[in-house]
Protein backbone atom coordinates (compact mmCIF):
# COMPACT_ATOMS: atom_id res chain seq x y z
CA ALA A 1 0.00 0.00 0.00
CA TYR A 2 1.24 3.49 -0.79
CA ALA A 3 -1.06 5.37 1.60
CA GLU A 4 -1.25 4.95 5.35
CA ALA A 5 -3.01 7.19 7.89
CA GLY A 6 -2.82 10.25 5.66
CA ARG A 7 0.76 9.54 4.56
CA VAL A 8 2.11 8.30 1.23
CA LYS A 9 5.30 6.53 0.21
CA ASN A 10 8.01 8.63 -1.41
CA PRO A 11 8.84 6.83 -4.70
CA ASP A 12 12.50 7.93 -4.52
CA THR A 13 13.38 7.10 -0.90
CA GLY A 14 10.69 4.57 0.01
CA GLU A 15 9.97 6.53 3.20
CA LEU A 16 6.45 7.51 4.25
CA MET A 17 5.85 11.23 3.89
CA THR A 18 3.04 13.58 4.83
CA LEU A 19 1.22 15.85 2.39
CA GLU A 20 -0.77 18.84 3.56
CA ASP A 21 -2.12 21.77 1.57
CA ASN A 22 -5.30 23.73 1.04
CA TRP A 23 -6.77 25.69 -1.83
CA SER A 24 -9.67 28.10 -1.99
CA ALA A 25 -11.35 30.21 -4.63
CA VAL A 26 -14.33 32.49 -5.09
CA SER A 27 -16.13 31.55 -8.32
CA GLY A 28 -19.06 33.36 -9.86
CA SER A 29 -21.32 33.29 -12.87
CA LEU A 30 -23.49 35.78 -14.72
CA ARG A 31 -26.22 35.02 -17.25
CA LEU A 32 -28.26 37.51 -19.27
CA LEU A 33 -31.36 36.76 -21.36
CA HIS A 34 -33.12 39.12 -23.73
CA PRO A 35 -36.43 38.25 -25.48
CA LEU A 36 -36.58 39.32 -29.10
CA THR A 37 -40.39 39.20 -29.21
CA SER A 38 -43.10 40.04 -26.68
CA ASP A 39 -44.26 36.42 -26.47
CA ARG A 40 -40.71 35.35 -25.51
CA ARG A 41 -40.64 32.65 -28.19
CA HIS A 42 -37.33 33.99 -29.50
CA THR A 43 -34.57 34.73 -27.01
CA VAL A 44 -30.86 35.49 -27.05
CA TYR A 45 -28.62 34.88 -24.08
CA ALA A 46 -25.05 35.32 -22.93
CA SER A 47 -23.18 34.00 -19.93
CA VAL A 48 -19.78 34.00 -18.26
CA SER A 49 -18.75 31.69 -15.44
CA GLN A 50 -15.63 30.73 -13.54
CA GLY A 51 -14.37 27.25 -12.71
CA PHE A 52 -11.84 25.95 -10.20
CA ARG A 53 -10.45 22.43 -9.66
CA ALA A 54 -8.01 21.63 -6.89
CA PRO A 55 -5.59 18.72 -7.37
CA ASN A 56 -7.09 15.49 -6.03
CA LEU A 57 -5.33 12.70 -4.14
CA SER A 58 -4.67 10.78 -7.36
CA ASP A 59 -3.05 13.83 -9.00
CA LEU A 60 -0.77 14.36 -6.00
CA THR A 61 0.16 10.83 -4.88
CA ARG A 62 -0.53 8.25 -7.59
CA LEU A 63 2.17 5.61 -8.03
CA ASP A 64 0.65 3.12 -10.46
CA ILE A 65 0.35 1.98 -14.06
CA ALA A 66 -1.08 4.85 -16.11
CA ARG A 67 -1.72 4.73 -19.84
CA SER A 68 -0.18 2.31 -22.34
CA GLY A 69 3.22 1.15 -21.07
CA GLU A 70 3.54 4.01 -18.57
CA ILE A 71 3.91 4.30 -14.81
CA GLU A 72 2.78 7.48 -13.08
CA THR A 73 4.71 8.83 -10.09
CA PRO A 74 3.50 11.33 -7.44
CA SER A 75 3.35 15.07 -8.09
CA PRO A 76 2.93 16.73 -4.67
CA ASP A 77 3.47 20.35 -5.80
CA LEU A 78 0.57 20.90 -8.19
CA ASP A 79 -1.51 24.09 -8.33
CA PRO A 80 -5.28 24.30 -8.96
CA GLU A 81 -6.76 24.56 -12.44
CA GLN A 82 -8.62 27.78 -13.34
CA TYR A 83 -11.31 28.24 -16.02
CA VAL A 84 -13.40 31.08 -17.39
CA ALA A 85 -16.21 30.06 -19.77
CA TRP A 86 -18.06 32.39 -22.15
CA GLU A 87 -21.19 31.43 -24.09
CA VAL A 88 -23.70 33.16 -26.36
CA GLY A 89 -26.73 31.61 -27.98
CA VAL A 90 -30.24 31.94 -29.31
CA LYS A 91 -33.42 29.93 -28.70
CA SER A 92 -36.48 30.00 -30.91
CA ARG A 93 -39.78 28.10 -30.85
CA SER A 94 -42.99 28.17 -32.82
CA LYS A 95 -45.97 25.88 -33.21
CA ARG A 96 -44.01 23.38 -35.31
CA PHE A 97 -40.34 24.21 -34.79
CA ALA A 98 -37.93 24.58 -31.87
CA THR A 99 -34.28 25.49 -32.48
CA GLN A 100 -31.27 26.39 -30.40
CA ALA A 101 -27.77 27.49 -31.37
CA SER A 102 -24.86 28.41 -29.14
CA CYS A 103 -21.12 28.95 -29.28
CA TYR A 104 -18.68 28.93 -26.39
CA PHE A 105 -15.09 29.70 -25.49
CA THR A 106 -13.38 28.47 -22.32
CA GLN A 107 -10.10 30.00 -21.15
CA ILE A 108 -7.81 27.54 -19.35
CA ASP A 109 -4.97 28.24 -16.94
CA ASN A 110 -2.80 25.70 -15.09
CA MET A 111 -4.53 22.60 -16.46
CA ILE A 112 -3.04 19.50 -14.85
CA VAL A 113 -1.52 17.30 -17.58
CA ARG A 114 0.43 14.07 -17.66
CA THR A 115 3.96 14.39 -19.10
CA PRO A 116 6.90 11.98 -19.61
CA THR A 117 10.03 12.42 -17.51
CA GLY A 118 12.40 10.48 -19.78
CA ARG A 119 13.08 7.83 -17.12
CA ILE A 120 12.34 4.08 -17.42
CA ILE A 121 11.08 2.17 -14.36
CA ASP A 122 10.68 -1.62 -14.61
CA ASP A 123 10.51 -1.36 -18.43
CA LEU A 124 7.75 1.27 -18.15
CA ALA A 125 8.09 4.89 -19.24
CA GLU A 126 7.72 7.19 -16.24
CA VAL A 127 5.16 10.01 -16.44
CA THR A 128 4.11 12.55 -13.86
CA LYS A 129 1.58 15.37 -13.52
CA ARG A 130 2.48 19.00 -14.17
CA ASN A 131 0.58 22.25 -14.49
CA SER A 132 0.44 23.34 -18.11
CA GLY A 133 0.23 26.91 -19.30
CA LYS A 134 -2.72 28.64 -20.88
CA GLY A 135 -5.16 27.04 -23.29
CA TYR A 136 -8.71 27.05 -24.59
CA ILE A 137 -11.67 24.96 -25.63
CA GLN A 138 -14.10 26.40 -28.13
CA GLY A 139 -17.00 25.11 -30.17
CA PHE A 140 -20.62 25.40 -31.14
CA GLU A 141 -23.80 23.36 -30.77
CA LEU A 142 -26.93 23.31 -32.90
CA SER A 143 -30.21 21.51 -32.31
CA GLY A 144 -33.65 21.58 -33.86
CA THR A 145 -36.98 19.78 -33.56
CA CYS A 146 -39.77 19.73 -36.13
CA HIS A 147 -43.32 18.59 -35.32
CA VAL A 148 -44.38 17.58 -38.81
CA THR A 149 -47.82 16.56 -37.53
CA SER A 150 -49.29 15.92 -34.10
CA GLN A 151 -48.06 12.34 -34.45
CA LEU A 152 -44.79 12.68 -36.39
CA SER A 153 -41.72 14.59 -35.25
CA SER A 154 -38.02 14.68 -36.09
CA TRP A 155 -34.92 16.24 -34.59
CA VAL A 156 -31.25 16.85 -35.26
CA SER A 157 -28.33 17.95 -33.10
CA LEU A 158 -24.71 18.78 -33.93
CA SER A 159 -21.69 19.50 -31.76
CA VAL A 160 -18.22 20.63 -32.90
CA MET A 161 -15.31 21.26 -30.53
CA ASP A 162 -11.67 22.33 -30.74
CA GLY A 163 -9.08 23.04 -28.08
CA LYS A 164 -5.37 23.43 -27.40
CA VAL A 165 -3.18 24.02 -24.36
CA ASP A 166 0.47 24.87 -23.65
CA ALA A 167 1.70 21.50 -22.38
CA TYR A 168 4.81 19.32 -22.12
CA PRO A 169 4.58 16.74 -24.95
CA ASN A 170 8.01 15.29 -24.07
CA SER A 171 10.47 15.22 -21.19
CA GLY A 172 11.85 18.66 -22.02
CA SER A 173 11.15 21.73 -19.93
CA VAL A 174 9.79 23.83 -22.81
CA LYS A 175 6.02 24.11 -23.21
CA GLU A 176 4.52 23.51 -26.64
CA ARG A 177 0.97 24.19 -27.81
CA ASP A 178 -0.79 20.86 -28.23
CA TYR A 179 -4.32 19.54 -28.63
CA ILE A 180 -6.40 18.93 -25.53
CA SER A 181 -6.21 15.21 -24.71
CA ARG A 182 -9.18 13.09 -25.85
CA LEU A 183 -10.76 16.00 -27.70
CA MET A 184 -14.28 15.06 -28.78
CA PRO A 185 -14.70 14.84 -32.58
CA PRO A 186 -17.69 16.38 -34.40
CA THR A 187 -20.81 14.44 -33.41
CA ALA A 188 -24.43 14.46 -34.55
CA GLN A 189 -27.73 12.75 -33.88
CA LEU A 190 -30.75 12.39 -36.14
CA GLY A 191 -34.10 11.06 -35.02
CA VAL A 192 -37.65 10.45 -36.21
CA ARG A 193 -40.57 9.55 -33.92
CA TRP A 194 -44.17 8.53 -34.62
CA GLN A 195 -46.84 8.07 -31.98
CA THR A 196 -50.55 7.37 -31.82
CA PRO A 197 -52.85 10.38 -31.36
CA VAL A 198 -52.99 9.98 -27.57
CA GLY A 199 -49.36 8.88 -27.30
CA ARG A 200 -50.13 5.43 -25.94
CA TRP A 201 -47.83 3.72 -28.46
CA TRP A 202 -44.77 5.13 -30.23
CA VAL A 203 -41.81 4.11 -32.38
CA GLU A 204 -38.60 5.99 -33.17
CA VAL A 205 -35.40 5.65 -35.20
CA LEU A 206 -32.14 7.21 -34.02
CA GLY A 207 -28.85 7.72 -35.82
CA ASP A 208 -25.73 8.62 -33.79
CA MET A 209 -22.65 9.69 -35.74
CA ALA A 210 -19.10 10.81 -34.98
CA ALA A 211 -16.31 11.90 -37.32
CA LYS A 212 -12.81 10.47 -37.11
CA ALA A 213 -11.04 11.74 -33.98
CA ASP A 214 -7.61 12.60 -35.35
CA LYS A 215 -6.79 15.76 -33.39
CA LEU A 216 -4.48 13.96 -30.99
CA SER A 217 -2.26 15.25 -28.23
CA ALA A 218 1.17 13.77 -27.58
CA ASP A 219 -0.48 11.93 -24.65
CA ASP A 220 -3.05 10.44 -27.03
CA ASP A 221 -0.37 9.33 -29.50
CA ARG A 222 1.35 7.37 -26.73
CA ASP A 223 -1.90 5.80 -25.51
CA THR A 224 -2.10 3.06 -28.15
CA GLN A 225 -4.19 0.76 -25.93
CA ARG A 226 -7.12 3.21 -26.04
CA ILE A 227 -6.58 5.12 -29.27
CA PRO A 228 -5.62 3.48 -32.59
CA PRO A 229 -2.66 4.97 -34.49
CA GLY A 230 -3.85 8.03 -36.40
CA GLY A 231 -6.97 8.45 -34.30
CA THR A 232 -10.27 6.78 -33.45
CA PRO A 233 -12.29 5.91 -36.59
CA GLY A 234 -15.61 7.63 -37.19
CA TYR A 235 -18.87 5.72 -36.99
CA ALA A 236 -22.62 5.81 -37.59
CA VAL A 237 -24.92 3.73 -35.41
CA CYS A 238 -28.66 3.12 -35.82
CA THR A 239 -31.09 2.37 -32.97
CA LEU A 240 -34.76 1.37 -33.15
CA ARG A 241 -37.12 1.82 -30.21
CA THR A 242 -40.78 1.24 -29.61
CA GLY A 243 -42.81 1.69 -26.47
CA ALA A 244 -46.33 1.48 -25.14
CA ARG A 245 -48.34 2.37 -22.07
CA ILE A 246 -49.71 -1.04 -21.11
CA VAL A 247 -51.87 0.23 -18.27
CA LYS A 248 -52.13 3.57 -16.51
CA ASP A 249 -48.87 3.25 -14.51
CA LEU A 250 -46.95 0.69 -16.57
CA ASN A 251 -44.81 1.59 -19.60
CA MET A 252 -42.68 -0.84 -21.58
CA VAL A 253 -39.94 -0.11 -24.14
CA LEU A 254 -38.29 -2.50 -26.60
CA ALA A 255 -35.08 -1.35 -28.30
CA VAL A 256 -32.70 -2.79 -30.86
CA GLU A 257 -29.42 -0.93 -30.39
CA ASN A 258 -26.65 -0.89 -33.01
CA VAL A 259 -28.98 -2.43 -35.58
CA PHE A 260 -26.27 -3.04 -38.19
CA ASP A 261 -23.79 -4.51 -35.67
CA GLU A 262 -21.24 -1.72 -36.18
CA ASP A 263 -17.83 -2.23 -34.55
CA TYR A 264 -17.07 1.19 -33.04
CA ARG A 265 -15.50 2.97 -30.11
CA ILE A 266 -16.20 6.27 -28.38
CA HIS A 267 -12.97 8.29 -28.58
CA GLY A 268 -10.69 7.83 -25.59
CA SER A 269 -12.83 5.19 -23.87
CA GLY A 270 -10.51 2.29 -24.64
CA VAL A 271 -13.46 -0.09 -24.99
CA ASN A 272 -15.46 -0.99 -28.10
CA GLU A 273 -19.19 -0.51 -27.67
CA PRO A 274 -21.59 -3.50 -27.73
CA GLY A 275 -22.71 -4.95 -31.04
CA ARG A 276 -26.35 -5.55 -31.89
CA ASN A 277 -28.22 -5.46 -28.61
CA LEU A 278 -31.85 -6.17 -27.65
CA VAL A 279 -33.12 -4.31 -24.59
CA LEU A 280 -36.52 -4.66 -22.90
CA THR A 281 -37.41 -2.31 -20.05
CA ALA A 282 -40.49 -1.79 -17.90
CA ASP A 283 -41.34 1.28 -15.85
CA TYR A 284 -44.02 1.02 -13.19
CA ALA A 285 -44.96 4.08 -11.10
CA PHE A 286 -46.79 3.75 -7.81
């Protein structure tokens, strides 16, 4: 064991040592909304908010296998991460349509990143945690729903993200601008739903899609157990669902997930998702 009564083992000397520190921050947020019409069906909004994350016990004291072929050693001198997020967007709804669009920009300072030291321990490359420099994450999201009739509706959503940070891609002491690790690729969902006039029975078709995730950090390039060389392949997955209200308080849903038995992986997860899958659920309220 590497932890005992609030103490951890020093990986260099083998002696138990004590860690003690505290961090505090005052974080705030501000959100403004402005209706464009008197009925408030069309609205614009803007927001700014602060974020703060103190190093956790794993960040400070981990001595264990990390990513592919790496061993992580303790980093007891880390500083907290700081974030400031900005967002602007618009919402609109009418009798048949509902849409929303937003874009955001998050400023990053002192993000805790994993970086190689250049040492080899028991045939494993040593890595440790360090505070990076400044960085950002930015992107936009779009979504829309159309009620074609009282029984038929469809929807679409799209998310695109980009981000970089001043990090340590190798054992050198010079920071280099690199992609954020495990950056989400462009993703989208399409759906169509039909239901009976009173909504007692319904059926829907969903399509979930992701582009190839090839914006890789140096950390991602080394993590070959989770991320294939060159990036995680894109995918498109279809799901069918149908449901019914059997009695007043009992609803049942039958779903066929991954209808075409696609072999795919969510970027950075390290695990391929299930193939064709049949799911039956019941929901009883009392």
